Amino acid sequence: MPFIYVLQSSMTGGYYTGATSNLEVRLSQHNSDQSRSTKNRGPWTLIHNEEFSTLAEALRRERFLKT
């Protein structure tokens, strides 16, 4: 199932919003600096997530949260 998620950096206090089909793996990637967009700003804490029935719905919600 697709998810949108919001992470908060423990280092900077900043936020990151993304979409994925596997939340646990994606969070692990962010915390091990495997994601270019969040590299060197972790560790990251999951502060919000929502599950959707389709990826299109998740991406629409992600875009909404980013604006």
PDB file of N, CA and C in Angstrom:
ATOM      1  N   MET A   1       0.823  -1.183   0.000  1.00  0.00           N
ATOM      2  CA  MET A   1       0.000   0.000   0.000  1.00  0.00           C
ATOM      3  C   MET A   1       0.875   1.256   0.000  1.00  0.00           C
ATOM      4  N   PRO A   2       0.532   2.222  -0.791  1.00  0.00           N
ATOM      5  CA  PRO A   2       1.287   3.484  -0.828  1.00  0.00           C
ATOM      6  C   PRO A   2       1.054   4.334   0.425  1.00  0.00           C
ATOM      7  N   PHE A   3       2.081   5.035   0.831  1.00  0.00           N
ATOM      8  CA  PHE A   3       2.032   5.926   1.990  1.00  0.00           C
ATOM      9  C   PHE A   3       2.596   7.277   1.601  1.00  0.00           C
ATOM     10  N   ILE A   4       2.161   8.315   2.298  1.00  0.00           N
ATOM     11  CA  ILE A   4       2.908   9.566   2.341  1.00  0.00           C
ATOM     12  C   ILE A   4       3.421   9.653   3.765  1.00  0.00           C
ATOM     13  N   TYR A   5       4.541  10.344   3.939  1.00  0.00           N
ATOM     14  CA  TYR A   5       5.126  10.431   5.265  1.00  0.00           C
ATOM     15  C   TYR A   5       5.794  11.781   5.443  1.00  0.00           C
ATOM     16  N   VAL A   6       5.891  12.188   6.693  1.00  0.00           N
ATOM     17  CA  VAL A   6       6.593  13.418   7.055  1.00  0.00           C
ATOM     18  C   VAL A   6       7.627  13.040   8.097  1.00  0.00           C
ATOM     19  N   LEU A   7       8.859  13.423   7.812  1.00  0.00           N
ATOM     20  CA  LEU A   7       9.974  13.169   8.723  1.00  0.00           C
ATOM     21  C   LEU A   7      10.465  14.486   9.301  1.00  0.00           C
ATOM     22  N   GLN A   8      11.039  14.421  10.502  1.00  0.00           N
ATOM     23  CA  GLN A   8      11.681  15.591  11.078  1.00  0.00           C
ATOM     24  C   GLN A   8      13.113  15.241  11.416  1.00  0.00           C
ATOM     25  N   SER A   9      14.021  16.124  11.039  1.00  0.00           N
ATOM     26  CA  SER A   9      15.441  15.930  11.303  1.00  0.00           C
ATOM     27  C   SER A   9      15.747  16.267  12.752  1.00  0.00           C
ATOM     28  N   SER A  10      16.410  15.352  13.439  1.00  0.00           N
ATOM     29  CA  SER A  10      16.844  15.617  14.812  1.00  0.00           C
ATOM     30  C   SER A  10      17.999  16.612  14.839  1.00  0.00           C
ATOM     31  N   MET A  11      18.720  16.712  13.722  1.00  0.00           N
ATOM     32  CA  MET A  11      19.876  17.601  13.644  1.00  0.00           C
ATOM     33  C   MET A  11      19.466  19.050  13.373  1.00  0.00           C
ATOM     34  N   THR A  12      18.604  19.258  12.385  1.00  0.00           N
ATOM     35  CA  THR A  12      18.268  20.622  11.968  1.00  0.00           C
ATOM     36  C   THR A  12      16.864  21.062  12.382  1.00  0.00           C
ATOM     37  N   GLY A  13      15.999  20.099  12.704  1.00  0.00           N
ATOM     38  CA  GLY A  13      14.613  20.430  13.021  1.00  0.00           C
ATOM     39  C   GLY A  13      13.746  20.576  11.789  1.00  0.00           C
ATOM     40  N   GLY A  14      14.362  20.447  10.605  1.00  0.00           N
ATOM     41  CA  GLY A  14      13.625  20.586   9.346  1.00  0.00           C
ATOM     42  C   GLY A  14      12.757  19.379   9.053  1.00  0.00           C
ATOM     43  N   TYR A  15      11.877  19.547   8.070  1.00  0.00           N
ATOM     44  CA  TYR A  15      10.930  18.500   7.701  1.00  0.00           C
ATOM     45  C   TYR A  15      11.198  18.000   6.285  1.00  0.00           C
ATOM     46  N   TYR A  16      10.799  16.763   6.037  1.00  0.00           N
ATOM     47  CA  TYR A  16      10.867  16.176   4.698  1.00  0.00           C
ATOM     48  C   TYR A  16       9.580  15.393   4.480  1.00  0.00           C
ATOM     49  N   THR A  17       8.945  15.599   3.335  1.00  0.00           N
ATOM     50  CA  THR A  17       7.720  14.893   2.972  1.00  0.00           C
ATOM     51  C   THR A  17       7.993  14.038   1.753  1.00  0.00           C
ATOM     52  N   GLY A  18       7.516  12.794   1.785  1.00  0.00           N
ATOM     53  CA  GLY A  18       7.740  11.887   0.671  1.00  0.00           C
ATOM     54  C   GLY A  18       6.621  10.877   0.541  1.00  0.00           C
ATOM     55  N   ALA A  19       6.717  10.054  -0.503  1.00  0.00           N
ATOM     56  CA  ALA A  19       5.754   8.983  -0.754  1.00  0.00           C
ATOM     57  C   ALA A  19       6.518   7.701  -1.037  1.00  0.00           C
ATOM     58  N   THR A  20       5.963   6.576  -0.619  1.00  0.00           N
ATOM     59  CA  THR A  20       6.619   5.289  -0.800  1.00  0.00           C
ATOM     60  C   THR A  20       5.600   4.164  -0.703  1.00  0.00           C
ATOM     61  N   SER A  21       6.001   2.998  -1.163  1.00  0.00           N
ATOM     62  CA  SER A  21       5.144   1.829  -1.003  1.00  0.00           C
ATOM     63  C   SER A  21       5.618   0.962   0.164  1.00  0.00           C
ATOM     64  N   ASN A  22       6.805   1.254   0.712  1.00  0.00           N
ATOM     65  CA  ASN A  22       7.320   0.494   1.856  1.00  0.00           C
ATOM     66  C   ASN A  22       7.926   1.481   2.853  1.00  0.00           C
ATOM     67  N   LEU A  23       7.160   1.831   3.836  1.00  0.00           N
ATOM     68  CA  LEU A  23       7.550   2.882   4.772  1.00  0.00           C
ATOM     69  C   LEU A  23       8.766   2.508   5.616  1.00  0.00           C
ATOM     70  N   GLU A  24       8.825   1.279   6.111  1.00  0.00           N
ATOM     71  CA  GLU A  24       9.947   0.872   6.956  1.00  0.00           C
ATOM     72  C   GLU A  24      11.275   0.931   6.209  1.00  0.00           C
ATOM     73  N   VAL A  25      11.291   0.420   4.979  1.00  0.00           N
ATOM     74  CA  VAL A  25      12.514   0.432   4.177  1.00  0.00           C
ATOM     75  C   VAL A  25      12.920   1.865   3.865  1.00  0.00           C
ATOM     76  N   ARG A  26      11.947   2.698   3.505  1.00  0.00           N
ATOM     77  CA  ARG A  26      12.251   4.084   3.139  1.00  0.00           C
ATOM     78  C   ARG A  26      12.824   4.856   4.327  1.00  0.00           C
ATOM     79  N   LEU A  27      12.252   4.675   5.509  1.00  0.00           N
ATOM     80  CA  LEU A  27      12.772   5.354   6.696  1.00  0.00           C
ATOM     81  C   LEU A  27      14.206   4.906   6.978  1.00  0.00           C
ATOM     82  N   SER A  28      14.456   3.625   6.806  1.00  0.00           N
ATOM     83  CA  SER A  28      15.808   3.094   6.985  1.00  0.00           C
ATOM     84  C   SER A  28      16.778   3.733   5.990  1.00  0.00           C
ATOM     85  N   GLN A  29      16.342   3.917   4.750  1.00  0.00           N
ATOM     86  CA  GLN A  29      17.190   4.550   3.733  1.00  0.00           C
ATOM     87  C   GLN A  29      17.514   5.991   4.110  1.00  0.00           C
ATOM     88  N   HIS A  30      16.529   6.726   4.616  1.00  0.00           N
ATOM     89  CA  HIS A  30      16.777   8.111   5.033  1.00  0.00           C
ATOM     90  C   HIS A  30      17.783   8.158   6.184  1.00  0.00           C
ATOM     91  N   ASN A  31      17.638   7.261   7.138  1.00  0.00           N
ATOM     92  CA  ASN A  31      18.514   7.288   8.317  1.00  0.00           C
ATOM     93  C   ASN A  31      19.903   6.737   8.057  1.00  0.00           C
ATOM     94  N   SER A  32      20.102   6.033   6.945  1.00  0.00           N
ATOM     95  CA  SER A  32      21.444   5.524   6.625  1.00  0.00           C
ATOM     96  C   SER A  32      22.083   6.318   5.480  1.00  0.00           C
ATOM     97  N   ASP A  33      21.583   7.533   5.238  1.00  0.00           N
ATOM     98  CA  ASP A  33      22.121   8.456   4.224  1.00  0.00           C
ATOM     99  C   ASP A  33      22.117   7.881   2.811  1.00  0.00           C
ATOM    100  N   GLN A  34      21.158   7.005   2.492  1.00  0.00           N
ATOM    101  CA  GLN A  34      21.028   6.455   1.141  1.00  0.00           C
ATOM    102  C   GLN A  34      20.121   7.303   0.264  1.00  0.00           C
ATOM    103  N   SER A  35      19.525   8.328   0.837  1.00  0.00           N
ATOM    104  CA  SER A  35      18.657   9.225   0.085  1.00  0.00           C
ATOM    105  C   SER A  35      19.375  10.555  -0.108  1.00  0.00           C
ATOM    106  N   ARG A  36      19.601  10.921  -1.355  1.00  0.00           N
ATOM    107  CA  ARG A  36      20.357  12.143  -1.649  1.00  0.00           C
ATOM    108  C   ARG A  36      19.695  13.393  -1.061  1.00  0.00           C
ATOM    109  N   SER A  37      18.360  13.416  -1.054  1.00  0.00           N
ATOM    110  CA  SER A  37      17.661  14.614  -0.600  1.00  0.00           C
ATOM    111  C   SER A  37      17.717  14.825   0.918  1.00  0.00           C
ATOM    112  N   THR A  38      18.028  13.791   1.679  1.00  0.00           N
ATOM    113  CA  THR A  38      18.080  13.938   3.136  1.00  0.00           C
ATOM    114  C   THR A  38      19.445  13.578   3.721  1.00  0.00           C
ATOM    115  N   LYS A  39      20.400  13.343   2.869  1.00  0.00           N
ATOM    116  CA  LYS A  39      21.729  12.923   3.307  1.00  0.00           C
ATOM    117  C   LYS A  39      22.370  13.980   4.210  1.00  0.00           C
ATOM    118  N   ASN A  40      23.038  13.509   5.243  1.00  0.00           N
ATOM    119  CA  ASN A  40      23.795  14.351   6.187  1.00  0.00           C
ATOM    120  C   ASN A  40      22.931  15.288   7.026  1.00  0.00           C
ATOM    121  N   ARG A  41      21.628  15.025   7.117  1.00  0.00           N
ATOM    122  CA  ARG A  41      20.771  15.861   7.959  1.00  0.00           C
ATOM    123  C   ARG A  41      20.034  15.040   9.004  1.00  0.00           C
ATOM    124  N   GLY A  42      20.299  13.738   9.086  1.00  0.00           N
ATOM    125  CA  GLY A  42      19.599  12.842   9.998  1.00  0.00           C
ATOM    126  C   GLY A  42      20.248  12.836  11.360  1.00  0.00           C
ATOM    127  N   PRO A  43      19.751  12.062  12.265  1.00  0.00           N
ATOM    128  CA  PRO A  43      18.716  11.049  12.090  1.00  0.00           C
ATOM    129  C   PRO A  43      17.321  11.663  11.941  1.00  0.00           C
ATOM    130  N   TRP A  44      16.472  10.897  11.289  1.00  0.00           N
ATOM    131  CA  TRP A  44      15.117  11.324  10.983  1.00  0.00           C
ATOM    132  C   TRP A  44      14.103  10.576  11.831  1.00  0.00           C
ATOM    133  N   THR A  45      13.066  11.300  12.256  1.00  0.00           N
ATOM    134  CA  THR A  45      11.984  10.713  13.044  1.00  0.00           C
ATOM    135  C   THR A  45      10.691  10.828  12.254  1.00  0.00           C
ATOM    136  N   LEU A  46       9.960   9.745  12.152  1.00  0.00           N
ATOM    137  CA  LEU A  46       8.670   9.744  11.473  1.00  0.00           C
ATOM    138  C   LEU A  46       7.667  10.452  12.374  1.00  0.00           C
ATOM    139  N   ILE A  47       7.078  11.558  11.891  1.00  0.00           N
ATOM    140  CA  ILE A  47       6.119  12.289  12.712  1.00  0.00           C
ATOM    141  C   ILE A  47       4.691  12.172  12.194  1.00  0.00           C
ATOM    142  N   HIS A  48       4.524  11.737  10.930  1.00  0.00           N
ATOM    143  CA  HIS A  48       3.174  11.591  10.377  1.00  0.00           C
ATOM    144  C   HIS A  48       3.227  10.665   9.171  1.00  0.00           C
ATOM    145  N   ASN A  49       2.174   9.838   9.006  1.00  0.00           N
ATOM    146  CA  ASN A  49       2.046   9.047   7.786  1.00  0.00           C
ATOM    147  C   ASN A  49       0.575   8.783   7.513  1.00  0.00           C
ATOM    148  N   GLU A  50       0.259   8.608   6.231  1.00  0.00           N
ATOM    149  CA  GLU A  50      -1.094   8.303   5.787  1.00  0.00           C
ATOM    150  C   GLU A  50      -1.004   7.208   4.740  1.00  0.00           C
ATOM    151  N   GLU A  51      -1.942   6.265   4.788  1.00  0.00           N
ATOM    152  CA  GLU A  51      -1.971   5.162   3.830  1.00  0.00           C
ATOM    153  C   GLU A  51      -3.065   5.405   2.800  1.00  0.00           C
ATOM    154  N   PHE A  52      -2.779   5.053   1.547  1.00  0.00           N
ATOM    155  CA  PHE A  52      -3.726   5.256   0.448  1.00  0.00           C
ATOM    156  C   PHE A  52      -3.914   3.962  -0.331  1.00  0.00           C
ATOM    157  N   SER A  53      -5.002   3.894  -1.079  1.00  0.00           N
ATOM    158  CA  SER A  53      -5.256   2.684  -1.862  1.00  0.00           C
ATOM    159  C   SER A  53      -4.514   2.690  -3.195  1.00  0.00           C
ATOM    160  N   THR A  54      -4.153   3.876  -3.693  1.00  0.00           N
ATOM    161  CA  THR A  54      -3.406   3.949  -4.951  1.00  0.00           C
ATOM    162  C   THR A  54      -2.236   4.915  -4.811  1.00  0.00           C
ATOM    163  N   LEU A  55      -1.221   4.698  -5.635  1.00  0.00           N
ATOM    164  CA  LEU A  55      -0.063   5.586  -5.635  1.00  0.00           C
ATOM    165  C   LEU A  55      -0.449   6.985  -6.098  1.00  0.00           C
ATOM    166  N   ALA A  56      -1.362   7.081  -7.044  1.00  0.00           N
ATOM    167  CA  ALA A  56      -1.799   8.389  -7.546  1.00  0.00           C
ATOM    168  C   ALA A  56      -2.399   9.229  -6.421  1.00  0.00           C
ATOM    169  N   GLU A  57      -3.199   8.614  -5.568  1.00  0.00           N
ATOM    170  CA  GLU A  57      -3.788   9.343  -4.437  1.00  0.00           C
ATOM    171  C   GLU A  57      -2.700   9.807  -3.474  1.00  0.00           C
ATOM    172  N   ALA A  58      -1.735   8.942  -3.207  1.00  0.00           N
ATOM    173  CA  ALA A  58      -0.641   9.294  -2.303  1.00  0.00           C
ATOM    174  C   ALA A  58       0.175  10.455  -2.852  1.00  0.00           C
ATOM    175  N   LEU A  59       0.476  10.417  -4.142  1.00  0.00           N
ATOM    176  CA  LEU A  59       1.264  11.496  -4.756  1.00  0.00           C
ATOM    177  C   LEU A  59       0.499  12.815  -4.768  1.00  0.00           C
ATOM    178  N   ARG A  60      -0.804  12.748  -4.958  1.00  0.00           N
ATOM    179  CA  ARG A  60      -1.636  13.960  -4.914  1.00  0.00           C
ATOM    180  C   ARG A  60      -1.578  14.585  -3.521  1.00  0.00           C
ATOM    181  N   ARG A  61      -1.678  13.743  -2.499  1.00  0.00           N
ATOM    182  CA  ARG A  61      -1.621  14.231  -1.119  1.00  0.00           C
ATOM    183  C   ARG A  61      -0.225  14.776  -0.800  1.00  0.00           C
ATOM    184  N   GLU A  62       0.810  14.129  -1.281  1.00  0.00           N
ATOM    185  CA  GLU A  62       2.181  14.602  -1.077  1.00  0.00           C
ATOM    186  C   GLU A  62       2.344  16.007  -1.670  1.00  0.00           C
ATOM    187  N   ARG A  63       1.883  16.176  -2.900  1.00  0.00           N
ATOM    188  CA  ARG A  63       1.965  17.505  -3.526  1.00  0.00           C
ATOM    189  C   ARG A  63       1.217  18.551  -2.715  1.00  0.00           C
ATOM    190  N   PHE A  64       0.036  18.187  -2.192  1.00  0.00           N
ATOM    191  CA  PHE A  64      -0.734  19.104  -1.370  1.00  0.00           C
ATOM    192  C   PHE A  64       0.046  19.525  -0.139  1.00  0.00           C
ATOM    193  N   LEU A  65       0.654  18.575   0.550  1.00  0.00           N
ATOM    194  CA  LEU A  65       1.403  18.881   1.767  1.00  0.00           C
ATOM    195  C   LEU A  65       2.637  19.729   1.498  1.00  0.00           C
ATOM    196  N   LYS A  66       3.220  19.585   0.316  1.00  0.00           N
ATOM    197  CA  LYS A  66       4.429  20.332  -0.017  1.00  0.00           C
ATOM    198  C   LYS A  66       4.132  21.779  -0.435  1.00  0.00           C
ATOM    199  N   THR A  67       2.882  22.085  -0.707  1.00  0.00           N
ATOM    200  CA  THR A  67       2.543  23.461  -1.129  1.00  0.00           C
ATOM    201  C   THR A  67       2.015  24.293   0.002  1.00  0.00           C
TER     202      THR A  67
END
